[in-house]
Protein backbone atom coordinates (compact mmCIF):
# COMPACT_ATOMS: atom_id res chain seq x y z
CA MET A 1 14.88 32.76 8.72
CA PRO A 2 16.60 29.35 8.96
CA SER A 3 16.65 26.75 6.25
CA SER A 4 14.32 23.79 6.73
CA LEU A 5 13.33 20.37 5.42
CA PHE A 6 9.86 19.35 4.28
CA TRP A 7 9.15 15.62 3.80
CA LEU A 8 6.25 14.83 1.48
CA TYR A 9 5.53 11.10 1.54
CA GLY A 10 2.81 8.65 0.62
CA GLY A 11 2.03 5.28 -0.91
CA ALA A 12 3.03 4.17 -4.38
CA GLY A 13 1.21 6.13 -7.07
CA VAL A 14 -0.27 8.77 -4.79
CA GLY A 15 1.07 11.57 -6.99
CA LYS A 16 4.24 12.68 -5.20
CA SER A 17 6.33 13.09 -8.36
CA ALA A 18 3.52 14.82 -10.23
CA LEU A 19 3.17 17.33 -7.41
CA ALA A 20 6.94 17.82 -7.19
CA GLN A 21 7.09 18.45 -10.94
CA THR A 22 4.26 20.98 -10.74
CA LEU A 23 5.96 22.80 -7.85
CA SER A 24 9.24 22.79 -9.75
CA GLU A 25 7.66 24.42 -12.79
CA THR A 26 5.71 26.92 -10.68
CA PHE A 27 8.72 28.02 -8.62
CA GLN A 28 10.92 28.10 -11.71
CA THR A 29 8.49 30.56 -13.32
CA LYS A 30 8.63 32.70 -10.18
CA ARG A 31 12.45 32.50 -10.10
CA ARG A 32 12.24 30.85 -6.70
CA LEU A 33 13.57 27.40 -7.61
CA ALA A 34 17.17 27.05 -6.47
CA ALA A 35 17.76 23.43 -7.57
CA SER A 36 16.00 20.14 -8.24
CA PHE A 37 16.73 16.47 -8.77
CA PHE A 38 14.26 13.74 -9.71
CA PHE A 39 15.37 10.20 -8.91
CA PHE A 40 14.13 7.48 -11.27
CA ARG A 41 15.00 3.85 -10.66
CA ASN A 42 14.94 2.79 -14.33
CA ASP A 43 17.43 5.43 -15.46
CA SER A 44 21.07 4.78 -14.57
CA THR A 45 21.80 8.51 -14.68
CA ARG A 46 19.04 9.23 -12.17
CA ASN A 47 19.09 6.30 -9.74
CA ASN A 48 22.62 6.87 -8.47
CA GLY A 49 23.04 8.85 -5.26
CA LYS A 50 26.52 9.98 -6.33
CA VAL A 51 25.08 12.45 -8.84
CA LEU A 52 22.67 14.17 -6.43
CA ILE A 53 24.95 16.73 -4.75
CA PRO A 54 26.89 17.71 -7.91
CA THR A 55 23.58 18.23 -9.72
CA LEU A 56 22.12 20.35 -6.91
CA VAL A 57 25.29 22.45 -6.78
CA SER A 58 25.22 22.96 -10.55
CA HIS A 59 21.62 24.19 -10.39
CA LEU A 60 22.34 26.35 -7.36
CA VAL A 61 25.27 28.04 -9.09
CA HIS A 62 23.04 28.85 -12.04
CA SER A 63 20.27 30.21 -9.77
CA PHE A 64 22.65 32.40 -7.72
CA LYS A 65 25.12 33.30 -10.47
CA GLY A 66 24.15 36.98 -10.36
CA LEU A 67 25.25 37.11 -6.73
CA GLY A 68 28.83 36.04 -7.42
CA ILE A 69 28.77 32.42 -6.26
CA VAL A 70 30.40 31.00 -9.41
CA PRO A 71 34.04 31.84 -8.56
CA LEU A 72 33.53 30.59 -4.99
CA VAL A 73 32.52 27.13 -6.24
CA GLU A 74 35.16 27.10 -8.98
CA ASN A 75 37.88 27.88 -6.44
CA ARG A 76 36.76 24.96 -4.28
CA ILE A 77 36.93 22.58 -7.24
CA ARG A 78 40.32 23.96 -8.32
CA ASP A 79 41.73 23.50 -4.80
CA ASN A 80 40.31 19.98 -4.51
CA PRO A 81 39.79 18.44 -7.98
CA ALA A 82 38.93 15.05 -6.47
CA VAL A 83 36.06 16.48 -4.42
CA PHE A 84 33.44 14.67 -6.53
CA THR A 85 34.90 11.33 -5.46
CA LYS A 86 34.81 12.20 -1.77
CA ARG A 87 32.18 11.29 0.79
CA PHE A 88 28.77 12.97 0.52
CA GLU A 89 29.56 14.90 3.70
CA THR A 90 32.68 16.41 2.11
CA GLN A 91 30.92 17.20 -1.16
CA ILE A 92 28.04 19.10 0.37
CA GLN A 93 30.36 20.95 2.74
CA GLU A 94 32.92 21.94 0.08
CA LEU A 95 30.57 22.66 -2.81
CA LEU A 96 27.42 23.99 -1.17
CA VAL A 97 27.80 25.07 2.45
CA GLU A 98 31.20 26.81 2.22
CA PRO A 99 30.42 28.73 -1.01
CA LEU A 100 27.13 29.95 0.49
CA LEU A 101 28.93 31.06 3.65
CA GLY A 102 31.48 32.84 1.46
CA LEU A 103 28.67 34.51 -0.46
CA LYS A 104 27.09 35.65 2.78
CA SER A 105 30.38 37.20 3.91
CA THR A 106 30.36 39.44 0.83
CA GLY A 107 27.05 40.93 1.94
CA ALA A 108 25.00 39.34 -0.86
CA LEU A 109 21.33 39.21 0.11
CA VAL A 110 18.89 36.37 -0.55
CA THR A 111 15.80 37.38 1.41
CA ASP A 112 13.12 35.15 -0.11
CA PRO A 113 13.08 31.41 0.65
CA GLN A 114 14.44 29.40 -2.25
CA LEU A 115 13.18 25.89 -2.97
CA ILE A 116 15.37 22.79 -3.50
CA ILE A 117 13.38 19.75 -4.66
CA ILE A 118 14.64 16.18 -4.26
CA ASP A 119 11.98 13.84 -5.60
CA GLY A 120 11.77 10.07 -5.17
CA LEU A 121 14.59 9.47 -2.70
CA ASP A 122 13.35 5.86 -2.38
CA GLU A 123 14.18 5.34 -6.07
CA CYS A 124 17.87 5.80 -5.37
CA GLU A 125 19.39 2.36 -5.94
CA ASP A 126 20.79 1.74 -2.45
CA ALA A 127 18.81 2.05 0.81
CA ASP A 128 21.97 2.85 2.79
CA VAL A 129 22.80 5.65 0.36
CA GLN A 130 19.26 7.02 0.74
CA CYS A 131 19.68 7.23 4.51
CA GLU A 132 23.16 8.74 4.28
CA LEU A 133 22.02 11.44 1.84
CA LEU A 134 19.16 12.31 4.17
CA ARG A 135 21.52 12.63 7.15
CA VAL A 136 24.05 14.68 5.16
CA ILE A 137 21.38 17.15 4.09
CA ALA A 138 20.09 17.40 7.67
CA ARG A 139 23.60 18.16 8.97
CA ALA A 140 24.12 20.81 6.30
CA ILE A 141 20.86 22.70 6.84
CA PRO A 142 21.80 24.45 10.13
CA GLN A 143 24.99 25.79 8.50
CA ILE A 144 23.31 27.32 5.44
CA PRO A 145 23.14 31.11 5.89
CA TYR A 146 20.23 31.65 3.52
CA PRO A 147 16.55 30.59 3.85
CA LEU A 148 16.58 27.52 1.64
CA ARG A 149 13.66 25.08 1.74
CA PHE A 150 14.45 21.45 0.97
CA LEU A 151 11.41 19.54 -0.30
CA LEU A 152 12.07 15.79 -0.23
CA THR A 153 9.54 13.26 -1.51
CA SER A 154 9.57 9.49 -1.10
CA ARG A 155 7.51 6.48 -0.29
CA PRO A 156 7.26 5.76 3.45
CA GLU A 157 9.91 3.05 3.32
CA ALA A 158 10.81 1.68 6.74
CA HIS A 159 14.48 2.70 6.61
CA ILE A 160 13.60 6.29 5.62
CA LYS A 161 10.94 6.50 8.34
CA ARG A 162 13.49 5.31 10.90
CA VAL A 163 15.87 8.13 10.00
CA PHE A 164 13.14 10.74 10.32
CA SER A 165 11.84 9.25 13.57
CA HIS A 166 15.06 8.38 15.39
CA ASP A 167 18.04 10.27 13.94
CA ALA A 168 18.98 13.07 16.34
CA GLU A 169 20.50 15.27 13.61
CA VAL A 170 17.34 15.10 11.52
CA GLN A 171 15.11 15.82 14.46
CA ALA A 172 17.27 18.80 15.45
CA ILE A 173 16.40 20.79 12.29
CA THR A 174 13.17 22.54 11.37
CA LEU A 175 11.20 19.65 9.89
CA CYS A 176 7.69 19.36 8.48
CA GLU A 177 6.04 16.16 7.30
CA TYR A 178 2.93 15.55 5.20
CA ASN A 179 1.37 12.22 4.31
CA LEU A 180 -0.12 12.62 0.85
CA SER A 181 -1.95 9.29 1.22
CA GLU A 182 -4.11 10.93 3.88
CA ASP A 183 -4.81 14.12 1.95
CA PRO A 184 -8.47 15.01 2.68
CA ASP A 185 -8.76 16.71 -0.72
CA ALA A 186 -7.40 13.78 -2.73
CA ASP A 187 -10.79 12.47 -3.91
CA MET A 188 -11.86 15.92 -5.05
CA ASP A 189 -8.56 16.47 -6.86
CA ILE A 190 -8.92 13.12 -8.63
CA ARG A 191 -12.52 13.93 -9.59
CA ASN A 192 -11.40 17.26 -11.06
CA PHE A 193 -8.59 15.49 -12.93
CA LEU A 194 -10.97 12.89 -14.39
CA GLU A 195 -13.58 15.44 -15.43
CA LYS A 196 -10.93 17.58 -17.12
CA GLU A 197 -9.44 14.59 -18.94
CA PHE A 198 -12.82 13.31 -20.14
CA MET A 199 -13.66 16.78 -21.41
CA GLU A 200 -10.38 16.77 -23.33
CA ILE A 201 -11.16 13.31 -24.77
CA ARG A 202 -14.55 14.58 -26.00
CA ARG A 203 -12.80 17.56 -27.57
CA ILE A 204 -9.85 16.01 -29.38
CA HIS A 205 -10.60 12.29 -29.90
CA CYS A 206 -11.57 11.30 -33.44
CA VAL A 207 -14.95 10.03 -32.19
CA GLY A 208 -15.30 12.71 -29.55
CA GLN A 209 -18.03 14.53 -31.47
CA HIS A 210 -20.18 11.41 -31.16
CA LEU A 211 -19.89 11.35 -27.39
CA SER A 212 -22.54 13.11 -25.34
CA ASP A 213 -21.59 16.08 -23.16
CA ALA A 214 -23.03 13.98 -20.32
CA TRP A 215 -20.48 11.19 -20.98
CA PRO A 216 -19.37 9.68 -18.74
CA ASP A 217 -22.25 9.77 -16.28
CA GLU A 218 -21.89 10.60 -12.61
CA ASN A 219 -22.00 6.94 -11.52
CA ALA A 220 -18.99 6.12 -13.68
CA ILE A 221 -17.03 9.07 -12.29
CA ASN A 222 -17.96 8.10 -8.72
CA SER A 223 -16.81 4.52 -9.34
CA LEU A 224 -13.44 5.63 -10.71
CA VAL A 225 -12.88 8.02 -7.82
CA GLU A 226 -13.70 5.33 -5.26
CA ARG A 227 -11.42 2.77 -6.89
CA SER A 228 -8.59 5.31 -7.05
CA SER A 229 -8.41 5.23 -3.21
CA GLY A 230 -6.95 8.74 -3.23
CA HIS A 231 -4.04 7.70 -5.47
CA PHE A 232 -3.56 9.33 -8.85
CA ILE A 233 -1.87 6.36 -10.48
CA TYR A 234 -5.16 4.48 -10.85
CA ALA A 235 -6.90 7.50 -12.38
CA SER A 236 -4.00 8.30 -14.71
CA THR A 237 -3.71 4.64 -15.80
CA VAL A 238 -7.42 4.52 -16.59
CA ILE A 239 -7.31 7.75 -18.59
CA ARG A 240 -4.26 6.61 -20.54
CA TYR A 241 -6.16 3.45 -21.49
CA ILE A 242 -9.45 5.19 -22.36
CA ARG A 243 -8.00 7.99 -24.49
CA SER A 244 -6.19 5.63 -26.91
CA PRO A 245 -6.64 7.15 -30.40
CA LYS A 246 -7.08 3.66 -31.89
CA HIS A 247 -10.15 2.71 -29.84
CA ARG A 248 -13.55 4.09 -28.86
CA PRO A 249 -13.27 5.82 -25.47
CA ASP A 250 -16.81 4.84 -24.46
CA ASN A 251 -16.11 1.16 -25.12
CA ARG A 252 -12.88 1.29 -23.15
CA LEU A 253 -14.60 2.99 -20.23
CA GLU A 254 -17.10 0.11 -20.19
CA VAL A 255 -14.16 -2.30 -19.92
CA ILE A 256 -12.86 -0.38 -16.91
CA ILE A 257 -16.20 -0.35 -15.10
CA ARG A 258 -16.73 -4.00 -16.08
CA LEU A 259 -19.68 -3.60 -18.40
CA ARG A 260 -17.79 -5.47 -21.12
CA PRO A 261 -14.77 -7.79 -21.12
CA PRO A 262 -11.43 -6.60 -22.50
CA ARG A 263 -10.33 -7.87 -25.88
CA GLU A 264 -7.83 -10.72 -26.03
CA GLY A 265 -4.38 -9.36 -25.28
CA ASP A 266 -5.81 -6.07 -24.00
CA GLN A 267 -4.16 -4.80 -20.78
CA PRO A 268 -6.17 -1.92 -19.32
CA TYR A 269 -4.02 -1.66 -16.19
CA ALA A 270 -0.55 -2.29 -17.61
CA GLN A 271 1.08 0.67 -15.82
CA LEU A 272 -0.57 -0.13 -12.49
CA ASP A 273 0.25 -3.84 -12.80
CA GLY A 274 3.86 -2.98 -13.53
CA LEU A 275 4.02 -0.92 -10.34
CA TYR A 276 2.52 -3.69 -8.19
CA THR A 277 4.76 -6.32 -9.75
CA PHE A 278 7.88 -4.21 -9.15
CA ILE A 279 7.00 -3.68 -5.48
CA PHE A 280 6.38 -7.38 -4.86
CA GLN A 281 9.69 -8.20 -6.51
CA GLY A 282 11.31 -6.62 -3.46
CA VAL A 283 10.13 -9.53 -1.28
CA GLU A 284 13.15 -11.67 -0.44
CA ASN A 285 11.78 -15.21 -0.83
CA HIS A 286 8.69 -17.20 -1.81
CA SER A 287 7.86 -18.19 1.77
CA GLN A 288 7.69 -14.54 2.82
CA LEU A 289 5.59 -13.75 -0.24
CA GLU A 290 3.12 -16.51 0.65
CA THR A 291 2.69 -15.11 4.16
CA ILE A 292 2.29 -11.57 2.82
CA CYS A 293 -0.46 -12.86 0.53
CA LEU A 294 -2.17 -14.43 3.56
CA VAL A 295 -2.14 -11.04 5.31
CA LEU A 296 -3.52 -9.33 2.20
CA GLY A 297 -6.23 -12.00 2.04
CA ILE A 298 -7.17 -11.25 5.65
CA LEU A 299 -7.45 -7.55 4.78
CA LEU A 300 -9.65 -8.42 1.80
CA LEU A 301 -12.03 -10.47 3.97
CA GLN A 302 -12.06 -7.61 6.46
CA SER A 303 -13.12 -5.21 3.70
CA GLN A 304 -15.94 -7.63 2.85
CA GLU A 305 -16.90 -7.91 6.55
CA VAL A 306 -17.36 -11.68 6.50
CA GLY A 307 -16.83 -14.45 9.03
CA ILE A 308 -14.55 -13.66 11.91
CA PHE A 309 -13.65 -10.41 10.18
CA SER A 310 -17.14 -8.92 10.35
CA THR A 311 -17.31 -5.52 12.02
CA SER A 312 -19.39 -6.92 14.85
CA ARG A 313 -16.64 -9.36 15.77
CA GLU A 314 -12.86 -9.21 15.79
CA VAL A 315 -11.18 -6.63 13.57
CA PRO A 316 -7.84 -7.83 12.14
CA ARG A 317 -5.59 -5.45 13.94
CA HIS A 318 -1.84 -5.79 13.85
CA THR A 319 -1.75 -8.04 16.92
CA THR A 320 -4.80 -10.07 15.85
CA ILE A 321 -3.23 -10.93 12.50
CA GLU A 322 -0.09 -12.08 14.31
CA ARG A 323 -2.15 -14.38 16.56
CA LEU A 324 -4.17 -15.70 13.63
CA LEU A 325 -1.03 -16.57 11.65
CA ARG A 326 0.88 -17.84 14.73
CA MET A 327 3.49 -15.10 14.55
CA GLU A 328 5.57 -13.68 17.36
CA ALA A 329 4.93 -10.11 18.46
CA GLY A 330 6.56 -7.69 16.02
CA ASP A 331 6.84 -10.18 13.15
CA LEU A 332 4.15 -8.50 11.06
CA VAL A 333 6.06 -5.23 10.69
CA LEU A 334 9.14 -7.13 9.51
CA LEU A 335 7.04 -9.23 7.14
CA LEU A 336 5.33 -6.28 5.45
CA ASP A 337 8.43 -4.07 5.24
CA PRO A 338 8.95 -4.70 1.47
CA ILE A 339 5.42 -3.50 0.60
CA LEU A 340 5.01 -0.54 2.96
CA SER A 341 4.34 1.67 -0.07
CA LEU A 342 1.08 -0.27 -0.55
CA LEU A 343 -0.20 -0.22 3.03
CA SER A 344 0.26 1.41 6.42
CA ILE A 345 0.58 0.04 9.95
CA ASP A 346 -0.51 2.72 12.40
CA ASP A 347 -2.08 2.49 15.86
CA ASP A 348 -2.26 -1.30 15.54
CA GLN A 349 -4.31 -0.95 12.34
CA VAL A 350 -3.21 -2.34 8.99
CA ARG A 351 -4.70 -0.39 6.09
CA ILE A 352 -4.39 -0.91 2.34
CA TYR A 353 -3.74 2.24 0.30
CA HIS A 354 -5.00 0.85 -3.02
CA LYS A 355 -8.36 -0.92 -3.35
CA SER A 356 -7.29 -1.86 -6.88
CA LEU A 357 -4.56 -4.07 -5.37
CA PHE A 358 -7.18 -6.72 -4.60
CA ASP A 359 -8.40 -6.62 -8.22
CA TYR A 360 -4.82 -7.21 -9.31
CA LEU A 361 -4.31 -10.18 -7.00
CA LEU A 362 -7.68 -11.79 -7.73
CA ASP A 363 -7.36 -11.56 -11.52
CA PHE A 364 -5.18 -14.47 -12.64
CA ASN A 365 -4.33 -12.70 -15.90
CA ARG A 366 -2.86 -9.79 -13.91
CA GLY A 367 -1.37 -11.22 -10.72
CA GLY A 368 -1.66 -14.95 -11.31
CA HIS A 369 2.01 -15.55 -10.64
CA PHE A 370 1.49 -14.61 -6.98
CA PRO A 371 0.47 -17.22 -4.37
CA PHE A 372 -2.74 -15.37 -3.45
CA ASP A 373 -5.20 -18.07 -2.34
CA LEU A 374 -8.25 -17.08 -0.29
CA ALA A 375 -8.86 -20.75 0.59
CA GLN A 376 -5.66 -20.63 2.64
CA VAL A 377 -6.92 -17.53 4.42
CA HIS A 378 -10.21 -19.27 5.26
CA GLU A 379 -8.21 -22.27 6.51
CA SER A 380 -6.16 -20.04 8.81
CA ALA A 381 -9.33 -18.39 10.12
CA ALA A 382 -11.07 -21.74 10.71
CA ASN A 383 -8.05 -23.15 12.55
CA TYR A 384 -7.83 -19.99 14.65
CA ILE A 385 -11.50 -20.22 15.70
CA LEU A 386 -11.17 -23.92 16.42
CA LYS A 387 -8.04 -23.65 18.55
CA GLU A 388 -8.64 -20.31 20.25
CA LYS A 389 -12.40 -20.46 20.78
CA ILE A 390 -14.18 -23.76 20.23
CA MET A 391 -11.55 -25.89 21.95
CA GLU A 392 -11.87 -23.73 25.05
CA ASP A 393 -15.61 -24.37 25.13
CA LEU A 394 -15.63 -28.16 24.69
CA CYS A 395 -16.62 -30.35 27.64
CA GLY A 396 -13.62 -32.22 28.94
CA THR A 397 -10.26 -32.22 27.25
CA SER A 398 -9.43 -31.42 23.66
CA PHE A 399 -10.69 -33.94 21.11
CA LEU A 400 -7.10 -34.38 20.00
CA HIS A 401 -6.40 -36.15 23.30
CA ARG A 402 -9.60 -38.18 23.67
CA SER A 403 -9.70 -41.90 23.06
CA THR A 404 -13.01 -41.72 21.16
CA PRO A 405 -13.32 -39.77 17.92
CA ILE A 406 -16.94 -38.80 18.66
CA LEU A 407 -17.55 -35.62 20.64
CA THR A 408 -20.57 -33.66 21.67
CA LEU A 409 -20.21 -30.13 20.37
CA PHE A 410 -20.63 -27.60 23.15
CA VAL A 411 -20.09 -23.99 22.14
CA LYS A 412 -20.82 -21.15 24.54
CA ASP A 413 -20.92 -18.51 21.82
CA ILE A 414 -23.03 -19.47 18.82
CA HIS A 415 -21.17 -16.89 16.73
CA ASP A 416 -18.02 -19.01 17.03
CA LEU A 417 -19.67 -21.99 15.37
CA ASP A 418 -21.34 -19.75 12.81
CA GLU A 419 -18.03 -18.22 11.76
CA PHE A 420 -16.24 -21.56 11.91
CA ALA A 421 -18.84 -23.03 9.55
CA TYR A 422 -18.51 -20.09 7.18
CA HIS A 423 -14.73 -20.36 6.86
CA CYS A 424 -14.79 -24.18 6.58
CA GLN A 425 -16.96 -23.90 3.46
CA TYR A 426 -14.22 -22.11 1.54
CA ALA A 427 -11.08 -23.47 3.23
CA HIS A 428 -8.44 -25.97 2.25
CA LEU A 429 -9.20 -28.48 5.01
CA SER A 430 -6.12 -29.22 7.09
CA ASP A 431 -5.81 -32.49 9.02
CA THR A 432 -6.82 -30.67 12.20
CA LEU A 433 -10.01 -29.37 10.59
CA LYS A 434 -10.79 -32.75 9.02
CA ASN A 435 -10.36 -34.53 12.35
CA TYR A 436 -12.66 -32.11 14.07
CA LEU A 437 -15.33 -32.33 11.36
CA HIS A 438 -15.23 -36.14 11.55
CA SER A 439 -15.68 -35.97 15.34
CA LEU A 440 -18.93 -34.01 15.30
CA GLU A 441 -21.86 -35.79 16.96
CA VAL A 442 -25.44 -35.43 15.75
CA PRO A 443 -28.07 -34.39 16.86
CA TYR A 444 -27.44 -30.75 17.39
CA PRO A 445 -25.30 -29.22 20.09
CA ARG A 446 -26.51 -28.86 23.65
CA SER A 447 -25.48 -25.22 23.59
CA ILE A 448 -28.45 -24.34 21.37
CA ALA A 449 -31.03 -26.47 23.15
CA ARG A 450 -32.50 -23.43 24.88
CA LEU A 451 -33.10 -21.48 21.67
CA SER A 452 -36.62 -20.66 20.53
CA ASP A 453 -37.96 -22.47 17.47
CA ARG A 454 -37.45 -19.38 15.33
CA ASP A 455 -33.88 -18.85 16.54
CA MET A 456 -33.19 -22.57 16.12
CA ILE A 457 -34.23 -22.50 12.46
CA SER A 458 -32.13 -19.39 11.88
CA PHE A 459 -29.12 -20.99 13.53
CA LEU A 460 -29.45 -24.28 11.66
CA SER A 461 -29.67 -22.53 8.30
CA SER A 462 -26.84 -20.07 8.96
CA SER A 463 -24.36 -22.31 10.79
CA LEU A 464 -24.94 -26.04 10.72
CA LEU A 465 -26.13 -26.37 7.13
CA PRO A 466 -22.89 -25.02 5.61
CA LEU A 467 -20.90 -26.94 8.21
CA PHE A 468 -22.52 -30.24 7.21
CA ARG A 469 -22.07 -29.40 3.56
CA THR A 470 -18.37 -29.11 4.29
CA LEU A 471 -18.50 -32.32 6.33
CA GLY A 472 -20.09 -34.07 3.36
CA ARG A 473 -16.96 -33.42 1.33
CA GLU A 474 -14.97 -35.39 3.88
CA VAL A 475 -17.15 -38.26 5.18
CA GLY A 476 -18.98 -39.23 2.02
CA VAL A 477 -22.34 -38.46 0.51
CA ALA A 478 -24.35 -41.24 2.23
CA GLN A 479 -23.22 -40.37 5.74
CA HIS A 480 -23.66 -36.70 4.92
CA TYR A 481 -27.33 -37.20 4.05
CA HIS A 482 -27.75 -39.28 7.22
CA PHE A 483 -26.51 -36.30 9.24
CA MET A 484 -28.77 -33.97 7.31
CA SER A 485 -31.81 -36.16 7.92
CA LEU A 486 -31.08 -36.33 11.65
CA MET A 487 -31.03 -32.56 11.66
CA ASN A 488 -34.30 -32.40 9.70
CA LEU A 489 -32.56 -30.32 7.04
């Protein structure tokens, strides 16, 4: 049975490390754990790729010491004392592959698969080192004479995905992949976790005896599961906050489900906010961050199914977002590369892993230092509708090239005007939008002249009324009311 590599990946906070730790403990109990290493970016002894192979070899020697591997490794080190300063390729060959081949030549049997866990490869401090370690392990696997199973966990960072998808040496080995962010059992696992933790709070908290066995109710549990979005970090952050021994758990749960405001200085989501902040710190410059926030705003409006992003109209696919933000084809993938642990781009769909990310960005006290401004998103949407839809439907040439500022609005698709009006209400009005709003001619557009009285009333209330409210901000109150009176509104 050949050795193999299993890649367990998923978004930030999905529970990869927790699962790796559980597997490590389980296999250790069964004497089936050969070696393990847990990267951690905030620990200088655990974020350096140079310590990975020596640590794995040390664990492997301990696991196989009864088979006589110790002298084989010691001889290698004695013959080449500087081996730990050599390239990763040399280290794994000299200290792991060759000793195992030597052990095999003695007739020593290892019949059961042994597990080697490497958790959090993305938390190694250098992306190039991450890729090189992955390639080195892949090259070593076909030479290992025993059935070792390498379990590697990481976020789906672009550079790691490229190695798995395009490196010939990685693709040549027995490889399995599993996306934990798409685990169909995640919600049930999180529900079980929450119910167990709340039961423990009722049992050991100093006010636990005053909490009903029915606390929390099913609606609260359902809300927490939904907001977890299949990622354990939200659930674990919430539980850590609620079970504080210095506060009432029931009051703190009400803060989480927004039945009461947090106390001054209280930070219910400190761990989650720290994660989001760290990920966004990987964005190279402020301009890129602003554009990323525009994309996230588009995804938020999509989740709310409003305006041009309603399900009955255009869905903000990968290519649609690029057109809306005037990007070149392929720019979106490059733009979102630093935050791929928070979202996925698959089959032209952009999907957020964490619903709680929007709460973070919308709450100034949590993410206020980020340029997340929905008015800019509405402005981009309004400009897109104006340039890509309404301008194509106007009689004659574009109003930008006409000698008179007054135009007759002629829109083939009433939905275009409806959505344009919606986004204008909430947008920062650019010069292009202001010019167009000033050019509108009253009475109402010829395109709706054939509507029935009932449909006309519906259209006026849904589209033109908010549009003229927006116009009133620009042309003055008196002229605004003149327009409204002409429209009988």
